[in-house]
Amino acid sequence: MMQQHIDVSSVLRHTLACDLYSNLVTRKTGAAVRGQIEQLLGDAPADGRALTVIDFSHVSMIDFSCADEVVAKLLLRYSDEEATEVYFLFRGVTDDHWDAIEAVLERHGLALAMESGDDVRVVGALSDGERRAWEATYRLGDADADGVAAEMGSNGADARDALEALCRRRLVMRVSGRYVAVGGPRHHG
């Protein structure tokens, strides 16, 4: 599986050709940054998986329009992409970023895997079953549907349904009939 790290601040500085700017504001700026990220993602193998860390560590602030362009539109585009399985892990999201990101996740019914320190959690619009299945998969590291069901304290059919929904949302990867949560065992590899 291909893995890459995208520093959003570097993309922003490159896009605006200005080394001093670290705020993601205006829809136009967000669209330009997303376009650059999509170009970087174009290097992903056409028939494989790609895990991309989207790193906000050096971004001072993000407004709602940029969160919509950079976060929501990326998630929406690549959840529909069938040829390449693109997965995202978001890193460096601070309280200053969270209000805008949370608002666009809720508005679009999206969820993402977010790394904070040594932990990863799933945030956004998820059903209780999806959240429990993701957390069980993350704790197990690599499991089949029955293992996830047992960890959740749920029946196999409910666990399989939740796991398949998480796969469609690119929050869980299916690898050789087993499931791995995005951000799970040190990023799968």
C-alpha atoms as a PDB file:
ATOM      1  CA  MET A   1       0.000   0.000   0.000  1.00  0.00           C
ATOM      2  CA  MET A   2       1.234   3.429  -0.905  1.00  0.00           C
ATOM      3  CA  GLN A   3       1.505   5.935   1.957  1.00  0.00           C
ATOM      4  CA  GLN A   4       2.097   9.631   1.697  1.00  0.00           C
ATOM      5  CA  HIS A   5       2.162  12.657   3.942  1.00  0.00           C
ATOM      6  CA  ILE A   6       0.742  15.986   2.797  1.00  0.00           C
ATOM      7  CA  ASP A   7       1.596  19.051   4.885  1.00  0.00           C
ATOM      8  CA  VAL A   8      -1.343  21.364   4.179  1.00  0.00           C
ATOM      9  CA  SER A   9       0.691  24.415   5.203  1.00  0.00           C
ATOM     10  CA  SER A  10       3.352  23.593   2.597  1.00  0.00           C
ATOM     11  CA  VAL A  11       0.670  23.090  -0.048  1.00  0.00           C
ATOM     12  CA  LEU A  12      -0.875  26.424   0.958  1.00  0.00           C
ATOM     13  CA  ARG A  13       2.466  28.264   0.768  1.00  0.00           C
ATOM     14  CA  HIS A  14       3.239  26.671  -2.604  1.00  0.00           C
ATOM     15  CA  THR A  15      -0.241  27.471  -3.940  1.00  0.00           C
ATOM     16  CA  LEU A  16      -0.095  31.109  -2.851  1.00  0.00           C
ATOM     17  CA  ALA A  17       3.678  31.479  -3.450  1.00  0.00           C
ATOM     18  CA  CYS A  18       4.005  33.116  -0.034  1.00  0.00           C
ATOM     19  CA  ASP A  19       6.095  31.686   2.816  1.00  0.00           C
ATOM     20  CA  LEU A  20       4.467  33.754   5.552  1.00  0.00           C
ATOM     21  CA  TYR A  21       0.853  32.716   5.078  1.00  0.00           C
ATOM     22  CA  SER A  22      -0.551  29.840   7.175  1.00  0.00           C
ATOM     23  CA  ASN A  23      -4.281  30.582   7.322  1.00  0.00           C
ATOM     24  CA  LEU A  24      -6.757  28.649   5.213  1.00  0.00           C
ATOM     25  CA  VAL A  25      -9.397  31.267   4.464  1.00  0.00           C
ATOM     26  CA  THR A  26     -11.716  31.896   1.496  1.00  0.00           C
ATOM     27  CA  ARG A  27     -13.321  29.312  -0.741  1.00  0.00           C
ATOM     28  CA  LYS A  28     -10.967  30.221  -3.603  1.00  0.00           C
ATOM     29  CA  THR A  29      -7.908  29.435  -1.457  1.00  0.00           C
ATOM     30  CA  GLY A  30      -9.477  26.174  -0.262  1.00  0.00           C
ATOM     31  CA  ALA A  31     -10.276  25.098  -3.821  1.00  0.00           C
ATOM     32  CA  ALA A  32      -6.703  25.861  -4.925  1.00  0.00           C
ATOM     33  CA  VAL A  33      -5.237  23.879  -2.003  1.00  0.00           C
ATOM     34  CA  ARG A  34      -7.595  20.955  -2.685  1.00  0.00           C
ATOM     35  CA  GLY A  35      -6.569  21.034  -6.355  1.00  0.00           C
ATOM     36  CA  GLN A  36      -2.902  20.748  -5.365  1.00  0.00           C
ATOM     37  CA  ILE A  37      -3.689  17.885  -2.964  1.00  0.00           C
ATOM     38  CA  GLU A  38      -5.628  16.094  -5.713  1.00  0.00           C
ATOM     39  CA  GLN A  39      -2.602  16.472  -8.009  1.00  0.00           C
ATOM     40  CA  LEU A  40      -0.427  14.863  -5.326  1.00  0.00           C
ATOM     41  CA  LEU A  41      -2.986  12.090  -4.927  1.00  0.00           C
ATOM     42  CA  GLY A  42      -2.856  11.496  -8.684  1.00  0.00           C
ATOM     43  CA  ASP A  43       0.381   9.584  -8.085  1.00  0.00           C
ATOM     44  CA  ALA A  44      -1.522   6.837  -6.251  1.00  0.00           C
ATOM     45  CA  PRO A  45      -1.477   3.429  -7.914  1.00  0.00           C
ATOM     46  CA  ALA A  46      -4.524   2.979 -10.148  1.00  0.00           C
ATOM     47  CA  ASP A  47      -5.344  -0.459  -8.771  1.00  0.00           C
ATOM     48  CA  GLY A  48      -4.223  -0.300  -5.155  1.00  0.00           C
ATOM     49  CA  ARG A  49      -4.702   1.334  -1.791  1.00  0.00           C
ATOM     50  CA  ALA A  50      -3.272   4.663  -0.759  1.00  0.00           C
ATOM     51  CA  LEU A  51      -3.200   6.036   2.776  1.00  0.00           C
ATOM     52  CA  THR A  52      -2.649   9.775   2.885  1.00  0.00           C
ATOM     53  CA  VAL A  53      -1.945  11.715   6.045  1.00  0.00           C
ATOM     54  CA  ILE A  54      -3.422  15.190   5.698  1.00  0.00           C
ATOM     55  CA  ASP A  55      -1.405  17.233   8.187  1.00  0.00           C
ATOM     56  CA  PHE A  56      -2.784  20.512   9.575  1.00  0.00           C
ATOM     57  CA  SER A  57      -0.002  20.892  12.186  1.00  0.00           C
ATOM     58  CA  HIS A  58       1.372  24.100  10.676  1.00  0.00           C
ATOM     59  CA  VAL A  59      -1.938  25.672   9.655  1.00  0.00           C
ATOM     60  CA  SER A  60      -2.898  28.501  12.013  1.00  0.00           C
ATOM     61  CA  MET A  61      -6.604  28.579  11.205  1.00  0.00           C
ATOM     62  CA  ILE A  62      -9.174  27.287   8.759  1.00  0.00           C
ATOM     63  CA  ASP A  63     -12.508  28.904   8.011  1.00  0.00           C
ATOM     64  CA  PHE A  64     -15.753  27.118   7.091  1.00  0.00           C
ATOM     65  CA  SER A  65     -15.411  27.626   3.341  1.00  0.00           C
ATOM     66  CA  CYS A  66     -11.877  26.199   3.302  1.00  0.00           C
ATOM     67  CA  ALA A  67     -12.902  23.285   5.517  1.00  0.00           C
ATOM     68  CA  ASP A  68     -15.676  22.584   3.027  1.00  0.00           C
ATOM     69  CA  GLU A  69     -13.275  22.731   0.070  1.00  0.00           C
ATOM     70  CA  VAL A  70     -10.299  20.909   1.591  1.00  0.00           C
ATOM     71  CA  VAL A  71     -11.892  18.398   3.968  1.00  0.00           C
ATOM     72  CA  ALA A  72     -15.454  17.722   2.813  1.00  0.00           C
ATOM     73  CA  LYS A  73     -14.840  17.781  -0.927  1.00  0.00           C
ATOM     74  CA  LEU A  74     -11.778  15.516  -0.617  1.00  0.00           C
ATOM     75  CA  LEU A  75     -13.747  13.010   1.460  1.00  0.00           C
ATOM     76  CA  LEU A  76     -16.717  13.163  -0.913  1.00  0.00           C
ATOM     77  CA  ARG A  77     -14.616  12.753  -4.035  1.00  0.00           C
ATOM     78  CA  TYR A  78     -12.555   9.817  -2.865  1.00  0.00           C
ATOM     79  CA  SER A  79     -15.411   7.944  -1.222  1.00  0.00           C
ATOM     80  CA  ASP A  80     -16.920   7.740  -4.717  1.00  0.00           C
ATOM     81  CA  GLU A  81     -13.660   6.807  -6.444  1.00  0.00           C
ATOM     82  CA  GLU A  82     -13.849   3.130  -7.366  1.00  0.00           C
ATOM     83  CA  ALA A  83     -10.550   2.411  -9.122  1.00  0.00           C
ATOM     84  CA  THR A  84      -8.258   3.547  -6.319  1.00  0.00           C
ATOM     85  CA  GLU A  85      -8.950   3.070  -2.651  1.00  0.00           C
ATOM     86  CA  VAL A  86      -7.822   6.360  -1.124  1.00  0.00           C
ATOM     87  CA  TYR A  87      -7.947   6.606   2.666  1.00  0.00           C
ATOM     88  CA  PHE A  88      -7.239   9.682   4.753  1.00  0.00           C
ATOM     89  CA  LEU A  89      -5.856  10.127   8.236  1.00  0.00           C
ATOM     90  CA  PHE A  90      -6.055  13.706   9.502  1.00  0.00           C
ATOM     91  CA  ARG A  91      -3.271  14.921  11.789  1.00  0.00           C
ATOM     92  CA  GLY A  92      -2.557  18.157  13.643  1.00  0.00           C
ATOM     93  CA  VAL A  93      -6.184  19.264  13.908  1.00  0.00           C
ATOM     94  CA  THR A  94      -6.425  21.754  16.782  1.00  0.00           C
ATOM     95  CA  ASP A  95      -9.334  23.359  18.582  1.00  0.00           C
ATOM     96  CA  ASP A  96      -8.846  26.344  16.242  1.00  0.00           C
ATOM     97  CA  HIS A  97      -9.558  24.055  13.264  1.00  0.00           C
ATOM     98  CA  TRP A  98     -12.191  21.831  14.816  1.00  0.00           C
ATOM     99  CA  ASP A  99     -15.276  24.090  14.722  1.00  0.00           C
ATOM    100  CA  ALA A 100     -15.048  24.543  10.953  1.00  0.00           C
ATOM    101  CA  ILE A 101     -14.178  20.901  10.257  1.00  0.00           C
ATOM    102  CA  GLU A 102     -16.896  19.563  12.551  1.00  0.00           C
ATOM    103  CA  ALA A 103     -19.496  21.806  10.890  1.00  0.00           C
ATOM    104  CA  VAL A 104     -18.716  20.533   7.377  1.00  0.00           C
ATOM    105  CA  LEU A 105     -18.621  16.905   8.518  1.00  0.00           C
ATOM    106  CA  GLU A 106     -22.062  17.270  10.060  1.00  0.00           C
ATOM    107  CA  ARG A 107     -23.494  19.222   7.106  1.00  0.00           C
ATOM    108  CA  HIS A 108     -22.362  16.581   4.601  1.00  0.00           C
ATOM    109  CA  GLY A 109     -22.899  13.527   6.844  1.00  0.00           C
ATOM    110  CA  LEU A 110     -19.173  12.687   6.708  1.00  0.00           C
ATOM    111  CA  ALA A 111     -16.702  11.191   9.148  1.00  0.00           C
ATOM    112  CA  LEU A 112     -12.920  10.965   9.269  1.00  0.00           C
ATOM    113  CA  ALA A 113     -10.099   9.312  11.181  1.00  0.00           C
ATOM    114  CA  MET A 114      -8.149  11.850  13.212  1.00  0.00           C
ATOM    115  CA  GLU A 115      -4.785  11.271  14.848  1.00  0.00           C
ATOM    116  CA  SER A 116      -3.997  13.036  18.086  1.00  0.00           C
ATOM    117  CA  GLY A 117      -0.715  12.112  19.765  1.00  0.00           C
ATOM    118  CA  ASP A 118      -0.458   8.333  19.837  1.00  0.00           C
ATOM    119  CA  ASP A 119      -4.194   7.821  19.477  1.00  0.00           C
ATOM    120  CA  VAL A 120      -6.569   7.782  16.528  1.00  0.00           C
ATOM    121  CA  ARG A 121     -10.297   8.314  16.793  1.00  0.00           C
ATOM    122  CA  VAL A 122     -13.126   8.549  14.344  1.00  0.00           C
ATOM    123  CA  VAL A 123     -15.124  11.791  14.360  1.00  0.00           C
ATOM    124  CA  GLY A 124     -18.078  13.170  12.483  1.00  0.00           C
ATOM    125  CA  ALA A 125     -21.452  11.812  11.450  1.00  0.00           C
ATOM    126  CA  LEU A 126     -21.552   8.100  12.280  1.00  0.00           C
ATOM    127  CA  SER A 127     -24.236   5.774  13.516  1.00  0.00           C
ATOM    128  CA  ASP A 128     -23.652   4.231  16.936  1.00  0.00           C
ATOM    129  CA  GLY A 129     -23.067   0.850  15.255  1.00  0.00           C
ATOM    130  CA  GLU A 130     -20.497   2.301  12.850  1.00  0.00           C
ATOM    131  CA  ARG A 131     -18.654   4.055  15.688  1.00  0.00           C
ATOM    132  CA  ARG A 132     -18.601   0.896  17.824  1.00  0.00           C
ATOM    133  CA  ALA A 133     -17.446  -1.232  14.863  1.00  0.00           C
ATOM    134  CA  TRP A 134     -14.635   1.214  14.033  1.00  0.00           C
ATOM    135  CA  GLU A 135     -13.494   1.353  17.671  1.00  0.00           C
ATOM    136  CA  ALA A 136     -13.563  -2.451  17.938  1.00  0.00           C
ATOM    137  CA  THR A 137     -11.606  -2.821  14.698  1.00  0.00           C
ATOM    138  CA  TYR A 138      -9.085  -0.225  15.855  1.00  0.00           C
ATOM    139  CA  ARG A 139      -8.589  -2.002  19.200  1.00  0.00           C
ATOM    140  CA  LEU A 140      -8.169  -5.386  17.499  1.00  0.00           C
ATOM    141  CA  GLY A 141      -5.807  -4.043  14.837  1.00  0.00           C
ATOM    142  CA  ASP A 142      -6.744  -6.649  12.241  1.00  0.00           C
ATOM    143  CA  ALA A 143      -9.858  -8.800  12.506  1.00  0.00           C
ATOM    144  CA  ASP A 144     -12.538 -10.673  10.674  1.00  0.00           C
ATOM    145  CA  ALA A 145     -16.197  -9.691  11.004  1.00  0.00           C
ATOM    146  CA  ASP A 146     -16.859 -12.294  13.707  1.00  0.00           C
ATOM    147  CA  GLY A 147     -13.963 -10.963  15.788  1.00  0.00           C
ATOM    148  CA  VAL A 148     -15.277  -7.417  15.448  1.00  0.00           C
ATOM    149  CA  ALA A 149     -18.795  -8.600  16.388  1.00  0.00           C
ATOM    150  CA  ALA A 150     -17.453 -10.314  19.513  1.00  0.00           C
ATOM    151  CA  GLU A 151     -15.433  -7.218  20.484  1.00  0.00           C
ATOM    152  CA  MET A 152     -18.541  -5.046  19.964  1.00  0.00           C
ATOM    153  CA  GLY A 153     -20.817  -7.437  21.833  1.00  0.00           C
ATOM    154  CA  SER A 154     -22.991  -7.537  18.713  1.00  0.00           C
ATOM    155  CA  ASN A 155     -24.280 -10.143  16.295  1.00  0.00           C
ATOM    156  CA  GLY A 156     -22.304 -10.965  13.151  1.00  0.00           C
ATOM    157  CA  ALA A 157     -24.847  -9.493  10.702  1.00  0.00           C
ATOM    158  CA  ASP A 158     -24.900  -6.102  12.444  1.00  0.00           C
ATOM    159  CA  ALA A 159     -21.093  -6.028  12.628  1.00  0.00           C
ATOM    160  CA  ARG A 160     -20.766  -6.952   8.932  1.00  0.00           C
ATOM    161  CA  ASP A 161     -23.258  -4.236   7.946  1.00  0.00           C
ATOM    162  CA  ALA A 162     -21.377  -1.625   9.992  1.00  0.00           C
ATOM    163  CA  LEU A 163     -18.003  -2.784   8.628  1.00  0.00           C
ATOM    164  CA  GLU A 164     -19.231  -2.595   5.035  1.00  0.00           C
ATOM    165  CA  ALA A 165     -20.589   0.915   5.661  1.00  0.00           C
ATOM    166  CA  LEU A 166     -17.189   1.889   7.129  1.00  0.00           C
ATOM    167  CA  CYS A 167     -15.433   0.429   4.082  1.00  0.00           C
ATOM    168  CA  ARG A 168     -17.617   2.504   1.739  1.00  0.00           C
ATOM    169  CA  ARG A 169     -16.819   5.579   3.845  1.00  0.00           C
ATOM    170  CA  ARG A 170     -13.077   4.730   3.655  1.00  0.00           C
ATOM    171  CA  LEU A 171     -12.710   4.477   7.434  1.00  0.00           C
ATOM    172  CA  VAL A 172     -11.927   0.750   7.399  1.00  0.00           C
ATOM    173  CA  MET A 173      -9.908  -1.222   4.849  1.00  0.00           C
ATOM    174  CA  ARG A 174     -10.773  -4.737   3.783  1.00  0.00           C
ATOM    175  CA  VAL A 175      -7.505  -6.652   3.436  1.00  0.00           C
ATOM    176  CA  SER A 176      -7.660 -10.347   2.466  1.00  0.00           C
ATOM    177  CA  GLY A 177     -11.088 -10.808   4.058  1.00  0.00           C
ATOM    178  CA  ARG A 178     -10.055  -9.023   7.249  1.00  0.00           C
ATOM    179  CA  TYR A 179     -10.685  -5.476   8.419  1.00  0.00           C
ATOM    180  CA  VAL A 180      -8.222  -2.802   9.513  1.00  0.00           C
ATOM    181  CA  ALA A 181      -9.261   0.620  10.812  1.00  0.00           C
ATOM    182  CA  VAL A 182      -7.669   3.639   9.138  1.00  0.00           C
ATOM    183  CA  GLY A 183      -4.925   4.723  11.523  1.00  0.00           C
ATOM    184  CA  GLY A 184      -4.805   1.221  12.993  1.00  0.00           C
ATOM    185  CA  PRO A 185      -1.635  -0.674  13.635  1.00  0.00           C
ATOM    186  CA  ARG A 186       0.655   2.213  12.966  1.00  0.00           C
ATOM    187  CA  HIS A 187      -0.990   3.059   9.676  1.00  0.00           C
ATOM    188  CA  HIS A 188      -1.104  -0.444   8.198  1.00  0.00           C
ATOM    189  CA  GLY A 189       2.326  -1.133   7.352  1.00  0.00           C
END
